[in-house]
Amino acid sequence: MEIINYERWDICSAACELGKQEQMPVYRFVKNALIRKYGEAFYETLDATAQHLKNTAP
């Protein structure tokens, strides 16, 4: 099993602020890296899952 974690670093605060303004989640910001590492099918599943969770959250 492999787990992907997100860690908040001060050096990334400007990118995080821009992402918040653009309403872009981190996984979309790093889309190309995720596809290189895990493949297009993984990314499409990740995106579909995130959209489903966003649309069904209370």
Protein backbone atom coordinates (compact mmCIF):
# COMPACT_ATOMS: atom_id res chain seq x y z
CA MET A 1 0.00 0.00 0.00
CA GLU A 2 1.18 3.49 -0.76
CA ILE A 3 -0.13 6.64 0.93
CA ILE A 4 0.08 10.22 -0.34
CA ASN A 5 0.26 12.87 2.38
CA TYR A 6 0.06 16.63 2.17
CA GLU A 7 2.26 18.65 4.51
CA ARG A 8 1.93 22.41 5.01
CA TRP A 9 5.26 24.18 4.65
CA ASP A 10 5.80 27.91 5.09
CA ILE A 11 7.73 28.04 1.81
CA CYS A 12 4.56 26.99 -0.03
CA SER A 13 2.24 29.55 1.58
CA ALA A 14 2.10 31.80 -1.52
CA ALA A 15 1.09 28.84 -3.71
CA CYS A 16 -1.50 27.76 -1.14
CA GLU A 17 -2.97 31.27 -1.04
CA LEU A 18 -3.17 31.40 -4.85
CA GLY A 19 -4.80 27.97 -4.88
CA LYS A 20 -7.37 29.18 -2.37
CA GLN A 21 -8.11 32.29 -4.47
CA GLU A 22 -8.42 30.19 -7.65
CA GLN A 23 -10.39 27.52 -5.77
CA MET A 24 -7.89 24.91 -6.96
CA PRO A 25 -7.30 21.91 -4.69
CA VAL A 26 -3.74 20.71 -4.17
CA TYR A 27 -4.23 17.51 -6.17
CA ARG A 28 -5.09 19.58 -9.27
CA PHE A 29 -2.10 21.85 -8.74
CA VAL A 30 0.19 18.79 -8.85
CA LYS A 31 -1.76 16.99 -11.60
CA ASN A 32 1.20 16.42 -13.93
CA ALA A 33 3.38 14.99 -11.16
CA LEU A 34 0.59 12.64 -10.04
CA ILE A 35 0.05 11.44 -13.61
CA ARG A 36 3.78 10.85 -14.11
CA LYS A 37 3.97 8.81 -10.90
CA TYR A 38 0.63 6.95 -10.91
CA GLY A 39 -0.82 7.26 -14.42
CA GLU A 40 -3.79 8.94 -16.05
CA ALA A 41 -6.33 6.37 -14.81
CA PHE A 42 -5.31 7.02 -11.20
CA TYR A 43 -5.67 10.76 -11.62
CA GLU A 44 -9.07 10.45 -13.30
CA THR A 45 -10.29 8.25 -10.43
CA LEU A 46 -8.88 10.70 -7.87
CA ASP A 47 -10.60 13.64 -9.57
CA ALA A 48 -13.92 11.81 -9.90
CA THR A 49 -13.77 10.78 -6.24
CA ALA A 50 -12.98 14.33 -5.12
CA GLN A 51 -15.85 15.71 -7.21
CA HIS A 52 -18.23 13.11 -5.79
CA LEU A 53 -17.21 13.95 -2.22
CA LYS A 54 -17.55 17.67 -2.91
CA ASN A 55 -21.06 17.19 -4.35
CA THR A 56 -22.30 14.90 -1.58
CA ALA A 57 -20.78 16.64 1.44
CA PRO A 58 -23.35 17.98 3.89
